[in-house]
Amino acid sequence: DQLEQHLKSIGQPEALGAFREARQTI
């Protein structure tokens, strides 16, 4: 959750999207 919030704050939508997809798959 902290990683996700950090990616939002620094404006990295692509990394955030890949990260969310990985979380969902896991």
mmCIF file of all heavy atoms, coordinates in Angstrom:
data_MODEL
# 
_entry.id   MODEL 
# 
loop_
_atom_site.group_PDB 
_atom_site.id 
_atom_site.type_symbol 
_atom_site.label_atom_id 
_atom_site.label_alt_id 
_atom_site.label_comp_id 
_atom_site.label_asym_id 
_atom_site.label_entity_id 
_atom_site.label_seq_id 
_atom_site.pdbx_PDB_ins_code 
_atom_site.Cartn_x 
_atom_site.Cartn_y 
_atom_site.Cartn_z 
_atom_site.occupancy 
_atom_site.B_iso_or_equiv 
_atom_site.pdbx_formal_charge 
_atom_site.auth_seq_id 
_atom_site.auth_comp_id 
_atom_site.auth_asym_id 
_atom_site.auth_atom_id 
_atom_site.pdbx_PDB_model_num 
ATOM 1   N N   . ASP A 1 1  ? 0.834  -1.208  0.000   1.00 0.00 ? 1  ASP A N   1 
ATOM 2   C CA  . ASP A 1 1  ? 0.000  0.000   0.000   1.00 0.00 ? 1  ASP A CA  1 
ATOM 3   C C   . ASP A 1 1  ? 0.866  1.255   0.000   1.00 0.00 ? 1  ASP A C   1 
ATOM 4   O O   . ASP A 1 1  ? 0.548  2.248   -0.674  1.00 0.00 ? 1  ASP A O   1 
ATOM 5   C CB  . ASP A 1 1  ? -0.926 0.009   1.216   1.00 0.00 ? 1  ASP A CB  1 
ATOM 6   C CG  . ASP A 1 1  ? -2.061 -0.993  1.102   1.00 0.00 ? 1  ASP A CG  1 
ATOM 7   O OD1 . ASP A 1 1  ? -2.332 -1.456  -0.024  1.00 0.00 ? 1  ASP A OD1 1 
ATOM 8   O OD2 . ASP A 1 1  ? -2.664 -1.334  2.143   1.00 0.00 ? 1  ASP A OD2 1 
ATOM 9   N N   . GLN A 1 2  ? 1.957  1.224   0.744   1.00 0.00 ? 2  GLN A N   1 
ATOM 10  C CA  . GLN A 1 2  ? 2.867  2.368   0.782   1.00 0.00 ? 2  GLN A CA  1 
ATOM 11  C C   . GLN A 1 2  ? 3.573  2.556   -0.564  1.00 0.00 ? 2  GLN A C   1 
ATOM 12  O O   . GLN A 1 2  ? 3.751  3.684   -1.031  1.00 0.00 ? 2  GLN A O   1 
ATOM 13  C CB  . GLN A 1 2  ? 3.917  2.179   1.886   1.00 0.00 ? 2  GLN A CB  1 
ATOM 14  C CG  . GLN A 1 2  ? 3.354  2.235   3.291   1.00 0.00 ? 2  GLN A CG  1 
ATOM 15  C CD  . GLN A 1 2  ? 2.729  3.581   3.602   1.00 0.00 ? 2  GLN A CD  1 
ATOM 16  O OE1 . GLN A 1 2  ? 3.395  4.607   3.655   1.00 0.00 ? 2  GLN A OE1 1 
ATOM 17  N NE2 . GLN A 1 2  ? 1.417  3.587   3.805   1.00 0.00 ? 2  GLN A NE2 1 
ATOM 18  N N   . LEU A 1 3  ? 3.942  1.452   -1.191  1.00 0.00 ? 3  LEU A N   1 
ATOM 19  C CA  . LEU A 1 3  ? 4.560  1.536   -2.510  1.00 0.00 ? 3  LEU A CA  1 
ATOM 20  C C   . LEU A 1 3  ? 3.591  2.157   -3.515  1.00 0.00 ? 3  LEU A C   1 
ATOM 21  O O   . LEU A 1 3  ? 3.974  3.013   -4.321  1.00 0.00 ? 3  LEU A O   1 
ATOM 22  C CB  . LEU A 1 3  ? 4.976  0.135   -2.981  1.00 0.00 ? 3  LEU A CB  1 
ATOM 23  C CG  . LEU A 1 3  ? 6.213  -0.467  -2.314  1.00 0.00 ? 3  LEU A CG  1 
ATOM 24  C CD1 . LEU A 1 3  ? 6.332  -1.949  -2.651  1.00 0.00 ? 3  LEU A CD1 1 
ATOM 25  C CD2 . LEU A 1 3  ? 7.469  0.277   -2.763  1.00 0.00 ? 3  LEU A CD2 1 
ATOM 26  N N   . GLU A 1 4  ? 2.334  1.738   -3.446  1.00 0.00 ? 4  GLU A N   1 
ATOM 27  C CA  . GLU A 1 4  ? 1.329  2.253   -4.369  1.00 0.00 ? 4  GLU A CA  1 
ATOM 28  C C   . GLU A 1 4  ? 1.106  3.749   -4.155  1.00 0.00 ? 4  GLU A C   1 
ATOM 29  O O   . GLU A 1 4  ? 1.035  4.529   -5.119  1.00 0.00 ? 4  GLU A O   1 
ATOM 30  C CB  . GLU A 1 4  ? 0.018  1.488   -4.186  1.00 0.00 ? 4  GLU A CB  1 
ATOM 31  C CG  . GLU A 1 4  ? -1.062 1.899   -5.167  1.00 0.00 ? 4  GLU A CG  1 
ATOM 32  C CD  . GLU A 1 4  ? -2.240 0.951   -5.161  1.00 0.00 ? 4  GLU A CD  1 
ATOM 33  O OE1 . GLU A 1 4  ? -2.029 -0.271  -5.020  1.00 0.00 ? 4  GLU A OE1 1 
ATOM 34  O OE2 . GLU A 1 4  ? -3.376 1.446   -5.292  1.00 0.00 ? 4  GLU A OE2 1 
ATOM 35  N N   . GLN A 1 5  ? 0.999  4.169   -2.898  1.00 0.00 ? 5  GLN A N   1 
ATOM 36  C CA  . GLN A 1 5  ? 0.811  5.588   -2.604  1.00 0.00 ? 5  GLN A CA  1 
ATOM 37  C C   . GLN A 1 5  ? 2.005  6.415   -3.072  1.00 0.00 ? 5  GLN A C   1 
ATOM 38  O O   . GLN A 1 5  ? 1.846  7.535   -3.564  1.00 0.00 ? 5  GLN A O   1 
ATOM 39  C CB  . GLN A 1 5  ? 0.592  5.781   -1.098  1.00 0.00 ? 5  GLN A CB  1 
ATOM 40  C CG  . GLN A 1 5  ? -0.743 5.250   -0.595  1.00 0.00 ? 5  GLN A CG  1 
ATOM 41  C CD  . GLN A 1 5  ? -0.926 5.475   0.896   1.00 0.00 ? 5  GLN A CD  1 
ATOM 42  O OE1 . GLN A 1 5  ? -0.598 6.528   1.416   1.00 0.00 ? 5  GLN A OE1 1 
ATOM 43  N NE2 . GLN A 1 5  ? -1.445 4.478   1.596   1.00 0.00 ? 5  GLN A NE2 1 
ATOM 44  N N   . HIS A 1 6  ? 3.202  5.847   -2.927  1.00 0.00 ? 6  HIS A N   1 
ATOM 45  C CA  . HIS A 1 6  ? 4.413  6.553   -3.346  1.00 0.00 ? 6  HIS A CA  1 
ATOM 46  C C   . HIS A 1 6  ? 4.439  6.736   -4.860  1.00 0.00 ? 6  HIS A C   1 
ATOM 47  O O   . HIS A 1 6  ? 4.783  7.817   -5.364  1.00 0.00 ? 6  HIS A O   1 
ATOM 48  C CB  . HIS A 1 6  ? 5.650  5.779   -2.885  1.00 0.00 ? 6  HIS A CB  1 
ATOM 49  C CG  . HIS A 1 6  ? 6.945  6.439   -3.240  1.00 0.00 ? 6  HIS A CG  1 
ATOM 50  N ND1 . HIS A 1 6  ? 7.341  7.651   -2.728  1.00 0.00 ? 6  HIS A ND1 1 
ATOM 51  C CD2 . HIS A 1 6  ? 7.943  6.043   -4.095  1.00 0.00 ? 6  HIS A CD2 1 
ATOM 52  C CE1 . HIS A 1 6  ? 8.519  7.993   -3.218  1.00 0.00 ? 6  HIS A CE1 1 
ATOM 53  N NE2 . HIS A 1 6  ? 8.908  7.031   -4.058  1.00 0.00 ? 6  HIS A NE2 1 
ATOM 54  N N   . LEU A 1 7  ? 4.089  5.698   -5.597  1.00 0.00 ? 7  LEU A N   1 
ATOM 55  C CA  . LEU A 1 7  ? 4.071  5.793   -7.061  1.00 0.00 ? 7  LEU A CA  1 
ATOM 56  C C   . LEU A 1 7  ? 3.064  6.841   -7.529  1.00 0.00 ? 7  LEU A C   1 
ATOM 57  O O   . LEU A 1 7  ? 3.301  7.547   -8.500  1.00 0.00 ? 7  LEU A O   1 
ATOM 58  C CB  . LEU A 1 7  ? 3.738  4.426   -7.672  1.00 0.00 ? 7  LEU A CB  1 
ATOM 59  C CG  . LEU A 1 7  ? 4.819  3.350   -7.547  1.00 0.00 ? 7  LEU A CG  1 
ATOM 60  C CD1 . LEU A 1 7  ? 4.298  2.010   -8.040  1.00 0.00 ? 7  LEU A CD1 1 
ATOM 61  C CD2 . LEU A 1 7  ? 6.070  3.750   -8.320  1.00 0.00 ? 7  LEU A CD2 1 
ATOM 62  N N   . LYS A 1 8  ? 1.950  6.932   -6.829  1.00 0.00 ? 8  LYS A N   1 
ATOM 63  C CA  . LYS A 1 8  ? 0.953  7.964   -7.151  1.00 0.00 ? 8  LYS A CA  1 
ATOM 64  C C   . LYS A 1 8  ? 1.542  9.355   -6.937  1.00 0.00 ? 8  LYS A C   1 
ATOM 65  O O   . LYS A 1 8  ? 1.374  10.256  -7.765  1.00 0.00 ? 8  LYS A O   1 
ATOM 66  C CB  . LYS A 1 8  ? -0.280 7.801   -6.264  1.00 0.00 ? 8  LYS A CB  1 
ATOM 67  C CG  . LYS A 1 8  ? -1.214 6.675   -6.644  1.00 0.00 ? 8  LYS A CG  1 
ATOM 68  C CD  . LYS A 1 8  ? -2.410 6.682   -5.703  1.00 0.00 ? 8  LYS A CD  1 
ATOM 69  C CE  . LYS A 1 8  ? -3.356 5.535   -5.997  1.00 0.00 ? 8  LYS A CE  1 
ATOM 70  N NZ  . LYS A 1 8  ? -4.505 5.518   -5.044  1.00 0.00 ? 8  LYS A NZ  1 
ATOM 71  N N   . SER A 1 9  ? 2.237  9.519   -5.807  1.00 0.00 ? 9  SER A N   1 
ATOM 72  C CA  . SER A 1 9  ? 2.739  10.845  -5.434  1.00 0.00 ? 9  SER A CA  1 
ATOM 73  C C   . SER A 1 9  ? 3.835  11.351  -6.364  1.00 0.00 ? 9  SER A C   1 
ATOM 74  O O   . SER A 1 9  ? 3.998  12.559  -6.528  1.00 0.00 ? 9  SER A O   1 
ATOM 75  C CB  . SER A 1 9  ? 3.258  10.822  -3.986  1.00 0.00 ? 9  SER A CB  1 
ATOM 76  O OG  . SER A 1 9  ? 4.438  10.029  -3.890  1.00 0.00 ? 9  SER A OG  1 
ATOM 77  N N   . ILE A 1 10 ? 4.598  10.450  -6.964  1.00 0.00 ? 10 ILE A N   1 
ATOM 78  C CA  . ILE A 1 10 ? 5.687  10.870  -7.847  1.00 0.00 ? 10 ILE A CA  1 
ATOM 79  C C   . ILE A 1 10 ? 5.281  10.814  -9.323  1.00 0.00 ? 10 ILE A C   1 
ATOM 80  O O   . ILE A 1 10 ? 6.104  11.031  -10.207 1.00 0.00 ? 10 ILE A O   1 
ATOM 81  C CB  . ILE A 1 10 ? 6.964  10.031  -7.617  1.00 0.00 ? 10 ILE A CB  1 
ATOM 82  C CG1 . ILE A 1 10 ? 6.721  8.557   -7.942  1.00 0.00 ? 10 ILE A CG1 1 
ATOM 83  C CG2 . ILE A 1 10 ? 7.460  10.203  -6.196  1.00 0.00 ? 10 ILE A CG2 1 
ATOM 84  C CD1 . ILE A 1 10 ? 7.984  7.695   -7.822  1.00 0.00 ? 10 ILE A CD1 1 
ATOM 85  N N   . GLY A 1 11 ? 4.009  10.493  -9.577  1.00 0.00 ? 11 GLY A N   1 
ATOM 86  C CA  . GLY A 1 11 ? 3.496  10.525  -10.939 1.00 0.00 ? 11 GLY A CA  1 
ATOM 87  C C   . GLY A 1 11 ? 4.105  9.509   -11.885 1.00 0.00 ? 11 GLY A C   1 
ATOM 88  O O   . GLY A 1 11 ? 4.620  9.877   -12.946 1.00 0.00 ? 11 GLY A O   1 
ATOM 89  N N   . GLN A 1 12 ? 4.048  8.234   -11.520 1.00 0.00 ? 12 GLN A N   1 
ATOM 90  C CA  . GLN A 1 12 ? 4.527  7.156   -12.390 1.00 0.00 ? 12 GLN A CA  1 
ATOM 91  C C   . GLN A 1 12 ? 3.369  6.204   -12.700 1.00 0.00 ? 12 GLN A C   1 
ATOM 92  O O   . GLN A 1 12 ? 3.296  5.105   -12.158 1.00 0.00 ? 12 GLN A O   1 
ATOM 93  C CB  . GLN A 1 12 ? 5.686  6.410   -11.738 1.00 0.00 ? 12 GLN A CB  1 
ATOM 94  C CG  . GLN A 1 12 ? 6.956  7.226   -11.624 1.00 0.00 ? 12 GLN A CG  1 
ATOM 95  C CD  . GLN A 1 12 ? 8.157  6.387   -11.232 1.00 0.00 ? 12 GLN A CD  1 
ATOM 96  O OE1 . GLN A 1 12 ? 8.098  5.163   -11.142 1.00 0.00 ? 12 GLN A OE1 1 
ATOM 97  N NE2 . GLN A 1 12 ? 9.271  7.062   -10.988 1.00 0.00 ? 12 GLN A NE2 1 
ATOM 98  N N   . PRO A 1 13 ? 2.447  6.614   -13.578 1.00 0.00 ? 13 PRO A N   1 
ATOM 99  C CA  . PRO A 1 13 ? 1.267  5.811   -13.868 1.00 0.00 ? 13 PRO A CA  1 
ATOM 100 C C   . PRO A 1 13 ? 1.552  4.442   -14.472 1.00 0.00 ? 13 PRO A C   1 
ATOM 101 O O   . PRO A 1 13 ? 0.853  3.470   -14.172 1.00 0.00 ? 13 PRO A O   1 
ATOM 102 C CB  . PRO A 1 13 ? 0.474  6.694   -14.841 1.00 0.00 ? 13 PRO A CB  1 
ATOM 103 C CG  . PRO A 1 13 ? 1.504  7.578   -15.469 1.00 0.00 ? 13 PRO A CG  1 
ATOM 104 C CD  . PRO A 1 13 ? 2.479  7.855   -14.371 1.00 0.00 ? 13 PRO A CD  1 
ATOM 105 N N   . GLU A 1 14 ? 2.581  4.341   -15.324 1.00 0.00 ? 14 GLU A N   1 
ATOM 106 C CA  . GLU A 1 14 ? 2.892  3.055   -15.952 1.00 0.00 ? 14 GLU A CA  1 
ATOM 107 C C   . GLU A 1 14 ? 3.375  2.046   -14.919 1.00 0.00 ? 14 GLU A C   1 
ATOM 108 O O   . GLU A 1 14 ? 2.946  0.887   -14.901 1.00 0.00 ? 14 GLU A O   1 
ATOM 109 C CB  . GLU A 1 14 ? 3.951  3.240   -17.044 1.00 0.00 ? 14 GLU A CB  1 
ATOM 110 C CG  . GLU A 1 14 ? 3.440  4.025   -18.249 1.00 0.00 ? 14 GLU A CG  1 
ATOM 111 C CD  . GLU A 1 14 ? 4.482  4.129   -19.334 1.00 0.00 ? 14 GLU A CD  1 
ATOM 112 O OE1 . GLU A 1 14 ? 5.578  3.555   -19.182 1.00 0.00 ? 14 GLU A OE1 1 
ATOM 113 O OE2 . GLU A 1 14 ? 4.193  4.787   -20.359 1.00 0.00 ? 14 GLU A OE2 1 
ATOM 114 N N   . ALA A 1 15 ? 4.286  2.488   -14.056 1.00 0.00 ? 15 ALA A N   1 
ATOM 115 C CA  . ALA A 1 15 ? 4.791  1.609   -13.004 1.00 0.00 ? 15 ALA A CA  1 
ATOM 116 C C   . ALA A 1 15 ? 3.672  1.235   -12.045 1.00 0.00 ? 15 ALA A C   1 
ATOM 117 O O   . ALA A 1 15 ? 3.587  0.096   -11.575 1.00 0.00 ? 15 ALA A O   1 
ATOM 118 C CB  . ALA A 1 15 ? 5.933  2.279   -12.246 1.00 0.00 ? 15 ALA A CB  1 
ATOM 119 N N   . LEU A 1 16 ? 2.794  2.210   -11.774 1.00 0.00 ? 16 LEU A N   1 
ATOM 120 C CA  . LEU A 1 16 ? 1.672  1.957   -10.871 1.00 0.00 ? 16 LEU A CA  1 
ATOM 121 C C   . LEU A 1 16 ? 0.724  0.923   -11.460 1.00 0.00 ? 16 LEU A C   1 
ATOM 122 O O   . LEU A 1 16 ? 0.265  0.019   -10.763 1.00 0.00 ? 16 LEU A O   1 
ATOM 123 C CB  . LEU A 1 16 ? 0.923  3.258   -10.598 1.00 0.00 ? 16 LEU A CB  1 
ATOM 124 C CG  . LEU A 1 16 ? -0.314 3.168   -9.697  1.00 0.00 ? 16 LEU A CG  1 
ATOM 125 C CD1 . LEU A 1 16 ? 0.066  2.624   -8.326  1.00 0.00 ? 16 LEU A CD1 1 
ATOM 126 C CD2 . LEU A 1 16 ? -0.973 4.545   -9.561  1.00 0.00 ? 16 LEU A CD2 1 
ATOM 127 N N   . GLY A 1 17 ? 0.459  1.033   -12.770 1.00 0.00 ? 17 GLY A N   1 
ATOM 128 C CA  . GLY A 1 17 ? -0.430 0.072   -13.426 1.00 0.00 ? 17 GLY A CA  1 
ATOM 129 C C   . GLY A 1 17 ? 0.134  -1.338  -13.394 1.00 0.00 ? 17 GLY A C   1 
ATOM 130 O O   . GLY A 1 17 ? -0.583 -2.302  -13.098 1.00 0.00 ? 17 GLY A O   1 
ATOM 131 N N   . ALA A 1 18 ? 1.427  -1.485  -13.695 1.00 0.00 ? 18 ALA A N   1 
ATOM 132 C CA  . ALA A 1 18 ? 2.072  -2.797  -13.678 1.00 0.00 ? 18 ALA A CA  1 
ATOM 133 C C   . ALA A 1 18 ? 2.099  -3.366  -12.270 1.00 0.00 ? 18 ALA A C   1 
ATOM 134 O O   . ALA A 1 18 ? 1.916  -4.569  -12.057 1.00 0.00 ? 18 ALA A O   1 
ATOM 135 C CB  . ALA A 1 18 ? 3.494  -2.685  -14.221 1.00 0.00 ? 18 ALA A CB  1 
ATOM 136 N N   . PHE A 1 19 ? 2.324  -2.476  -11.306 1.00 0.00 ? 19 PHE A N   1 
ATOM 137 C CA  . PHE A 1 19 ? 2.374  -2.892  -9.911  1.00 0.00 ? 19 PHE A CA  1 
ATOM 138 C C   . PHE A 1 19 ? 1.014  -3.408  -9.447  1.00 0.00 ? 19 PHE A C   1 
ATOM 139 O O   . PHE A 1 19 ? 0.904  -4.455  -8.809  1.00 0.00 ? 19 PHE A O   1 
ATOM 140 C CB  . PHE A 1 19 ? 2.815  -1.710  -9.048  1.00 0.00 ? 19 PHE A CB  1 
ATOM 141 C CG  . PHE A 1 19 ? 2.854  -1.991  -7.577  1.00 0.00 ? 19 PHE A CG  1 
ATOM 142 C CD1 . PHE A 1 19 ? 3.819  -2.829  -7.047  1.00 0.00 ? 19 PHE A CD1 1 
ATOM 143 C CD2 . PHE A 1 19 ? 1.931  -1.423  -6.713  1.00 0.00 ? 19 PHE A CD2 1 
ATOM 144 C CE1 . PHE A 1 19 ? 3.868  -3.093  -5.682  1.00 0.00 ? 19 PHE A CE1 1 
ATOM 145 C CE2 . PHE A 1 19 ? 1.978  -1.672  -5.358  1.00 0.00 ? 19 PHE A CE2 1 
ATOM 146 C CZ  . PHE A 1 19 ? 2.940  -2.513  -4.839  1.00 0.00 ? 19 PHE A CZ  1 
ATOM 147 N N   . ARG A 1 20 ? -0.056 -2.679  -9.793  1.00 0.00 ? 20 ARG A N   1 
ATOM 148 C CA  . ARG A 1 20 ? -1.410 -3.093  -9.402  1.00 0.00 ? 20 ARG A CA  1 
ATOM 149 C C   . ARG A 1 20 ? -1.793 -4.422  -10.046 1.00 0.00 ? 20 ARG A C   1 
ATOM 150 O O   . ARG A 1 20 ? -2.417 -5.276  -9.420  1.00 0.00 ? 20 ARG A O   1 
ATOM 151 C CB  . ARG A 1 20 ? -2.408 -2.009  -9.794  1.00 0.00 ? 20 ARG A CB  1 
ATOM 152 C CG  . ARG A 1 20 ? -2.409 -0.803  -8.865  1.00 0.00 ? 20 ARG A CG  1 
ATOM 153 C CD  . ARG A 1 20 ? -3.360 0.272   -9.358  1.00 0.00 ? 20 ARG A CD  1 
ATOM 154 N NE  . ARG A 1 20 ? -3.521 1.345   -8.377  1.00 0.00 ? 20 ARG A NE  1 
ATOM 155 C CZ  . ARG A 1 20 ? -4.163 2.479   -8.623  1.00 0.00 ? 20 ARG A CZ  1 
ATOM 156 N NH1 . ARG A 1 20 ? -4.696 2.698   -9.823  1.00 0.00 ? 20 ARG A NH1 1 
ATOM 157 N NH2 . ARG A 1 20 ? -4.273 3.400   -7.680  1.00 0.00 ? 20 ARG A NH2 1 
ATOM 158 N N   . GLU A 1 21 ? -1.406 -4.581  -11.313 1.00 0.00 ? 21 GLU A N   1 
ATOM 159 C CA  . GLU A 1 21 ? -1.719 -5.833  -12.008 1.00 0.00 ? 21 GLU A CA  1 
ATOM 160 C C   . GLU A 1 21 ? -1.017 -7.014  -11.351 1.00 0.00 ? 21 GLU A C   1 
ATOM 161 O O   . GLU A 1 21 ? -1.593 -8.093  -11.199 1.00 0.00 ? 21 GLU A O   1 
ATOM 162 C CB  . GLU A 1 21 ? -1.298 -5.728  -13.480 1.00 0.00 ? 21 GLU A CB  1 
ATOM 163 C CG  . GLU A 1 21 ? -1.690 -6.936  -14.316 1.00 0.00 ? 21 GLU A CG  1 
ATOM 164 C CD  . GLU A 1 21 ? -1.358 -6.777  -15.781 1.00 0.00 ? 21 GLU A CD  1 
ATOM 165 O OE1 . GLU A 1 21 ? -1.033 -5.647  -16.201 1.00 0.00 ? 21 GLU A OE1 1 
ATOM 166 O OE2 . GLU A 1 21 ? -1.420 -7.778  -16.513 1.00 0.00 ? 21 GLU A OE2 1 
ATOM 167 N N   . ALA A 1 22 ? 0.243  -6.786  -10.964 1.00 0.00 ? 22 ALA A N   1 
ATOM 168 C CA  . ALA A 1 22 ? 0.999  -7.849  -10.296 1.00 0.00 ? 22 ALA A CA  1 
ATOM 169 C C   . ALA A 1 22 ? 0.357  -8.207  -8.962  1.00 0.00 ? 22 ALA A C   1 
ATOM 170 O O   . ALA A 1 22 ? 0.223  -9.389  -8.615  1.00 0.00 ? 22 ALA A O   1 
ATOM 171 C CB  . ALA A 1 22 ? 2.447  -7.402  -10.078 1.00 0.00 ? 22 ALA A CB  1 
ATOM 172 N N   . ARG A 1 23 ? -0.065 -7.191  -8.198  1.00 0.00 ? 23 ARG A N   1 
ATOM 173 C CA  . ARG A 1 23 ? -0.720 -7.427  -6.907  1.00 0.00 ? 23 ARG A CA  1 
ATOM 174 C C   . ARG A 1 23 ? -1.983 -8.261  -7.091  1.00 0.00 ? 23 ARG A C   1 
ATOM 175 O O   . ARG A 1 23 ? -2.259 -9.193  -6.333  1.00 0.00 ? 23 ARG A O   1 
ATOM 176 C CB  . ARG A 1 23 ? -1.077 -6.107  -6.233  1.00 0.00 ? 23 ARG A CB  1 
ATOM 177 C CG  . ARG A 1 23 ? 0.079  -5.331  -5.687  1.00 0.00 ? 23 ARG A CG  1 
ATOM 178 C CD  . ARG A 1 23 ? -0.389 -4.154  -4.830  1.00 0.00 ? 23 ARG A CD  1 
ATOM 179 N NE  . ARG A 1 23 ? -0.974 -4.586  -3.570  1.00 0.00 ? 23 ARG A NE  1 
ATOM 180 C CZ  . ARG A 1 23 ? -1.387 -3.769  -2.614  1.00 0.00 ? 23 ARG A CZ  1 
ATOM 181 N NH1 . ARG A 1 23 ? -1.293 -2.461  -2.780  1.00 0.00 ? 23 ARG A NH1 1 
ATOM 182 N NH2 . ARG A 1 23 ? -1.896 -4.230  -1.493  1.00 0.00 ? 23 ARG A NH2 1 
ATOM 183 N N   . GLN A 1 24 ? -2.760 -7.917  -8.119  1.00 0.00 ? 24 GLN A N   1 
ATOM 184 C CA  . GLN A 1 24 ? -4.014 -8.623  -8.358  1.00 0.00 ? 24 GLN A CA  1 
ATOM 185 C C   . GLN A 1 24 ? -3.762 -10.078 -8.752  1.00 0.00 ? 24 GLN A C   1 
ATOM 186 O O   . GLN A 1 24 ? -4.447 -10.985 -8.276  1.00 0.00 ? 24 GLN A O   1 
ATOM 187 C CB  . GLN A 1 24 ? -4.819 -7.915  -9.455  1.00 0.00 ? 24 GLN A CB  1 
ATOM 188 C CG  . GLN A 1 24 ? -6.221 -8.488  -9.643  1.00 0.00 ? 24 GLN A CG  1 
ATOM 189 C CD  . GLN A 1 24 ? -7.023 -7.714  -10.668 1.00 0.00 ? 24 GLN A CD  1 
ATOM 190 O OE1 . GLN A 1 24 ? -6.539 -7.433  -11.760 1.00 0.00 ? 24 GLN A OE1 1 
ATOM 191 N NE2 . GLN A 1 24 ? -8.245 -7.363  -10.326 1.00 0.00 ? 24 GLN A NE2 1 
ATOM 192 N N   . THR A 1 25 ? -2.764 -10.281 -9.614  1.00 0.00 ? 25 THR A N   1 
ATOM 193 C CA  . THR A 1 25 ? -2.441 -11.644 -10.035 1.00 0.00 ? 25 THR A CA  1 
ATOM 194 C C   . THR A 1 25 ? -1.988 -12.483 -8.852  1.00 0.00 ? 25 THR A C   1 
ATOM 195 O O   . THR A 1 25 ? -2.400 -13.636 -8.691  1.00 0.00 ? 25 THR A O   1 
ATOM 196 C CB  . THR A 1 25 ? -1.336 -11.624 -11.111 1.00 0.00 ? 25 THR A CB  1 
ATOM 197 O OG1 . THR A 1 25 ? -1.815 -10.932 -12.268 1.00 0.00 ? 25 THR A OG1 1 
ATOM 198 C CG2 . THR A 1 25 ? -0.938 -13.045 -11.504 1.00 0.00 ? 25 THR A CG2 1 
ATOM 199 N N   . ILE A 1 26 ? -1.137 -11.923 -8.023  1.00 0.00 ? 26 ILE A N   1 
ATOM 200 C CA  . ILE A 1 26 ? -0.643 -12.639 -6.850  1.00 0.00 ? 26 ILE A CA  1 
ATOM 201 C C   . ILE A 1 26 ? -1.797 -12.985 -5.910  1.00 0.00 ? 26 ILE A C   1 
ATOM 202 O O   . ILE A 1 26 ? -1.881 -14.095 -5.386  1.00 0.00 ? 26 ILE A O   1 
ATOM 203 C CB  . ILE A 1 26 ? 0.430  -11.804 -6.123  1.00 0.00 ? 26 ILE A CB  1 
ATOM 204 C CG1 . ILE A 1 26 ? 1.698  -11.728 -6.984  1.00 0.00 ? 26 ILE A CG1 1 
ATOM 205 C CG2 . ILE A 1 26 ? 0.756  -12.400 -4.750  1.00 0.00 ? 26 ILE A CG2 1 
ATOM 206 C CD1 . ILE A 1 26 ? 2.739  -10.753 -6.480  1.00 0.00 ? 26 ILE A CD1 1 
# 
